[in-house]
Amino acid sequence: MISIDYHFSHLLLSQHRIVIWVKINDGEGITHKNAMDALQRGIYFFSALQASDGHWPAEIARPLFFLPPLVFCLYITGHLELIFDAEHLKETLRYIYCLQNDDG
């Protein structure tokens, strides 16, 4: 059983600890120790990203983060007109077009 230090993220950020990355070369076998080290490094990594109140902060304040994937999925599945009426669809697409990058 693995012993996990749940306060490692605080230590990582306050003491600037560096997680050492280990590469397994071709032909080299994956051992129990390698797998456990990879698992523990992954836990340390995500613990360092987690805020003190338990959530993972992200910049998803605008509806543009969620809206285009929703429109794409509804279009692909053929349900776009079932979810959005004509006026909502027109305004949704206008919003996406106005905020797209110059390269499309």
C-alpha atoms as a PDB file:
ATOM      1  CA  MET A   1       0.000   0.000   0.000  1.00  0.00           C
ATOM      2  CA  ILE A   2       1.240   3.491  -0.864  1.00  0.00           C
ATOM      3  CA  SER A   3       1.613   6.137   1.774  1.00  0.00           C
ATOM      4  CA  ILE A   4       0.515   9.452   0.246  1.00  0.00           C
ATOM      5  CA  ASP A   5       1.536  12.773   1.708  1.00  0.00           C
ATOM      6  CA  TYR A   6      -1.540  14.938   1.079  1.00  0.00           C
ATOM      7  CA  HIS A   7       0.341  18.041   2.153  1.00  0.00           C
ATOM      8  CA  PHE A   8       3.000  17.515  -0.513  1.00  0.00           C
ATOM      9  CA  SER A   9       1.486  20.175  -2.784  1.00  0.00           C
ATOM     10  CA  HIS A  10       2.076  22.771  -0.080  1.00  0.00           C
ATOM     11  CA  LEU A  11       5.616  21.541   0.399  1.00  0.00           C
ATOM     12  CA  LEU A  12       6.192  21.440  -3.345  1.00  0.00           C
ATOM     13  CA  LEU A  13       5.148  25.044  -3.787  1.00  0.00           C
ATOM     14  CA  SER A  14       6.679  26.423  -0.591  1.00  0.00           C
ATOM     15  CA  GLN A  15      10.023  24.647  -0.851  1.00  0.00           C
ATOM     16  CA  HIS A  16      10.200  24.557  -4.668  1.00  0.00           C
ATOM     17  CA  ARG A  17      10.732  20.818  -4.736  1.00  0.00           C
ATOM     18  CA  ILE A  18      11.443  19.305  -8.092  1.00  0.00           C
ATOM     19  CA  VAL A  19       9.829  16.047  -9.121  1.00  0.00           C
ATOM     20  CA  ILE A  20      12.477  13.997 -10.921  1.00  0.00           C
ATOM     21  CA  TRP A  21      11.256  12.530 -14.186  1.00  0.00           C
ATOM     22  CA  VAL A  22      12.437   9.040 -15.015  1.00  0.00           C
ATOM     23  CA  LYS A  23      12.382   7.773 -18.585  1.00  0.00           C
ATOM     24  CA  ILE A  24      12.048   4.067 -19.271  1.00  0.00           C
ATOM     25  CA  ASN A  25      14.082   3.248 -22.371  1.00  0.00           C
ATOM     26  CA  ASP A  26      13.096   0.813 -25.118  1.00  0.00           C
ATOM     27  CA  GLY A  27      13.749  -2.755 -24.128  1.00  0.00           C
ATOM     28  CA  GLU A  28      13.794  -1.877 -20.446  1.00  0.00           C
ATOM     29  CA  GLY A  29      11.129  -3.636 -18.442  1.00  0.00           C
ATOM     30  CA  ILE A  30       8.525  -1.853 -16.393  1.00  0.00           C
ATOM     31  CA  THR A  31       8.940  -2.887 -12.802  1.00  0.00           C
ATOM     32  CA  HIS A  32       6.641  -2.514  -9.822  1.00  0.00           C
ATOM     33  CA  LYS A  33       8.914   0.253  -8.517  1.00  0.00           C
ATOM     34  CA  ASN A  34       8.795   2.167 -11.838  1.00  0.00           C
ATOM     35  CA  ALA A  35       5.014   1.968 -11.917  1.00  0.00           C
ATOM     36  CA  MET A  36       4.673   3.073  -8.284  1.00  0.00           C
ATOM     37  CA  ASP A  37       7.106   5.960  -8.848  1.00  0.00           C
ATOM     38  CA  ALA A  38       5.094   7.104 -11.879  1.00  0.00           C
ATOM     39  CA  LEU A  39       1.855   6.900  -9.894  1.00  0.00           C
ATOM     40  CA  GLN A  40       3.312   8.873  -6.993  1.00  0.00           C
ATOM     41  CA  ARG A  41       4.742  11.546  -9.342  1.00  0.00           C
ATOM     42  CA  GLY A  42       1.307  11.886 -10.952  1.00  0.00           C
ATOM     43  CA  ILE A  43      -0.324  12.312  -7.546  1.00  0.00           C
ATOM     44  CA  TYR A  44       2.276  14.910  -6.559  1.00  0.00           C
ATOM     45  CA  PHE A  45       1.770  16.768  -9.844  1.00  0.00           C
ATOM     46  CA  PHE A  46      -2.011  17.052  -9.517  1.00  0.00           C
ATOM     47  CA  SER A  47      -1.756  17.816  -5.789  1.00  0.00           C
ATOM     48  CA  ALA A  48       0.503  20.758  -6.646  1.00  0.00           C
ATOM     49  CA  LEU A  49      -2.119  22.107  -9.049  1.00  0.00           C
ATOM     50  CA  GLN A  50      -4.973  21.788  -6.584  1.00  0.00           C
ATOM     51  CA  ALA A  51      -6.037  24.889  -4.628  1.00  0.00           C
ATOM     52  CA  SER A  52      -6.136  24.894  -0.838  1.00  0.00           C
ATOM     53  CA  ASP A  53      -9.931  24.545  -0.782  1.00  0.00           C
ATOM     54  CA  GLY A  54      -9.803  21.414  -2.936  1.00  0.00           C
ATOM     55  CA  HIS A  55     -10.725  22.626  -6.431  1.00  0.00           C
ATOM     56  CA  TRP A  56      -8.564  22.914  -9.529  1.00  0.00           C
ATOM     57  CA  PRO A  57      -8.592  26.548 -10.659  1.00  0.00           C
ATOM     58  CA  ALA A  58      -9.017  27.150 -14.375  1.00  0.00           C
ATOM     59  CA  GLU A  59      -9.745  30.045 -16.665  1.00  0.00           C
ATOM     60  CA  ILE A  60     -13.162  29.016 -17.929  1.00  0.00           C
ATOM     61  CA  ALA A  61     -15.070  32.161 -17.098  1.00  0.00           C
ATOM     62  CA  ARG A  62     -16.466  32.796 -20.565  1.00  0.00           C
ATOM     63  CA  PRO A  63     -19.159  30.780 -22.307  1.00  0.00           C
ATOM     64  CA  LEU A  64     -16.835  30.372 -25.290  1.00  0.00           C
ATOM     65  CA  PHE A  65     -15.084  27.583 -23.388  1.00  0.00           C
ATOM     66  CA  PHE A  66     -18.223  25.422 -23.347  1.00  0.00           C
ATOM     67  CA  LEU A  67     -20.318  26.727 -26.231  1.00  0.00           C
ATOM     68  CA  PRO A  68     -18.364  25.680 -29.378  1.00  0.00           C
ATOM     69  CA  PRO A  69     -17.985  22.019 -28.300  1.00  0.00           C
ATOM     70  CA  LEU A  70     -21.701  21.929 -27.510  1.00  0.00           C
ATOM     71  CA  VAL A  71     -22.598  23.341 -30.934  1.00  0.00           C
ATOM     72  CA  PHE A  72     -20.182  20.942 -32.678  1.00  0.00           C
ATOM     73  CA  CYS A  73     -21.613  17.901 -30.868  1.00  0.00           C
ATOM     74  CA  LEU A  74     -25.204  18.925 -31.530  1.00  0.00           C
ATOM     75  CA  TYR A  75     -24.426  19.545 -35.206  1.00  0.00           C
ATOM     76  CA  ILE A  76     -22.612  16.219 -35.641  1.00  0.00           C
ATOM     77  CA  THR A  77     -25.394  14.254 -33.959  1.00  0.00           C
ATOM     78  CA  GLY A  78     -28.095  16.099 -35.903  1.00  0.00           C
ATOM     79  CA  HIS A  79     -29.731  17.628 -32.835  1.00  0.00           C
ATOM     80  CA  LEU A  80     -28.758  21.269 -33.330  1.00  0.00           C
ATOM     81  CA  GLU A  81     -32.201  22.403 -34.500  1.00  0.00           C
ATOM     82  CA  LEU A  82     -33.881  20.411 -31.711  1.00  0.00           C
ATOM     83  CA  ILE A  83     -31.989  22.245 -28.957  1.00  0.00           C
ATOM     84  CA  PHE A  84     -31.699  25.757 -30.420  1.00  0.00           C
ATOM     85  CA  ASP A  85     -34.565  27.547 -32.120  1.00  0.00           C
ATOM     86  CA  ALA A  86     -33.712  29.684 -35.176  1.00  0.00           C
ATOM     87  CA  GLU A  87     -33.068  32.929 -33.259  1.00  0.00           C
ATOM     88  CA  HIS A  88     -30.939  31.308 -30.542  1.00  0.00           C
ATOM     89  CA  LEU A  89     -28.947  29.444 -33.176  1.00  0.00           C
ATOM     90  CA  LYS A  90     -28.344  32.638 -35.160  1.00  0.00           C
ATOM     91  CA  GLU A  91     -27.134  34.528 -32.065  1.00  0.00           C
ATOM     92  CA  THR A  92     -25.004  31.610 -30.854  1.00  0.00           C
ATOM     93  CA  LEU A  93     -23.240  31.296 -34.194  1.00  0.00           C
ATOM     94  CA  ARG A  94     -22.832  35.083 -34.423  1.00  0.00           C
ATOM     95  CA  TYR A  95     -21.190  35.080 -30.975  1.00  0.00           C
ATOM     96  CA  ILE A  96     -18.774  32.315 -31.975  1.00  0.00           C
ATOM     97  CA  TYR A  97     -17.936  33.996 -35.315  1.00  0.00           C
ATOM     98  CA  CYS A  98     -17.245  37.356 -33.650  1.00  0.00           C
ATOM     99  CA  LEU A  99     -14.768  35.830 -31.206  1.00  0.00           C
ATOM    100  CA  GLN A 100     -12.890  33.487 -33.516  1.00  0.00           C
ATOM    101  CA  ASN A 101      -9.229  34.090 -34.342  1.00  0.00           C
ATOM    102  CA  ASP A 102      -8.188  35.660 -37.634  1.00  0.00           C
ATOM    103  CA  ASP A 103      -6.834  32.318 -38.865  1.00  0.00           C
ATOM    104  CA  GLY A 104     -10.275  30.727 -38.452  1.00  0.00           C
END
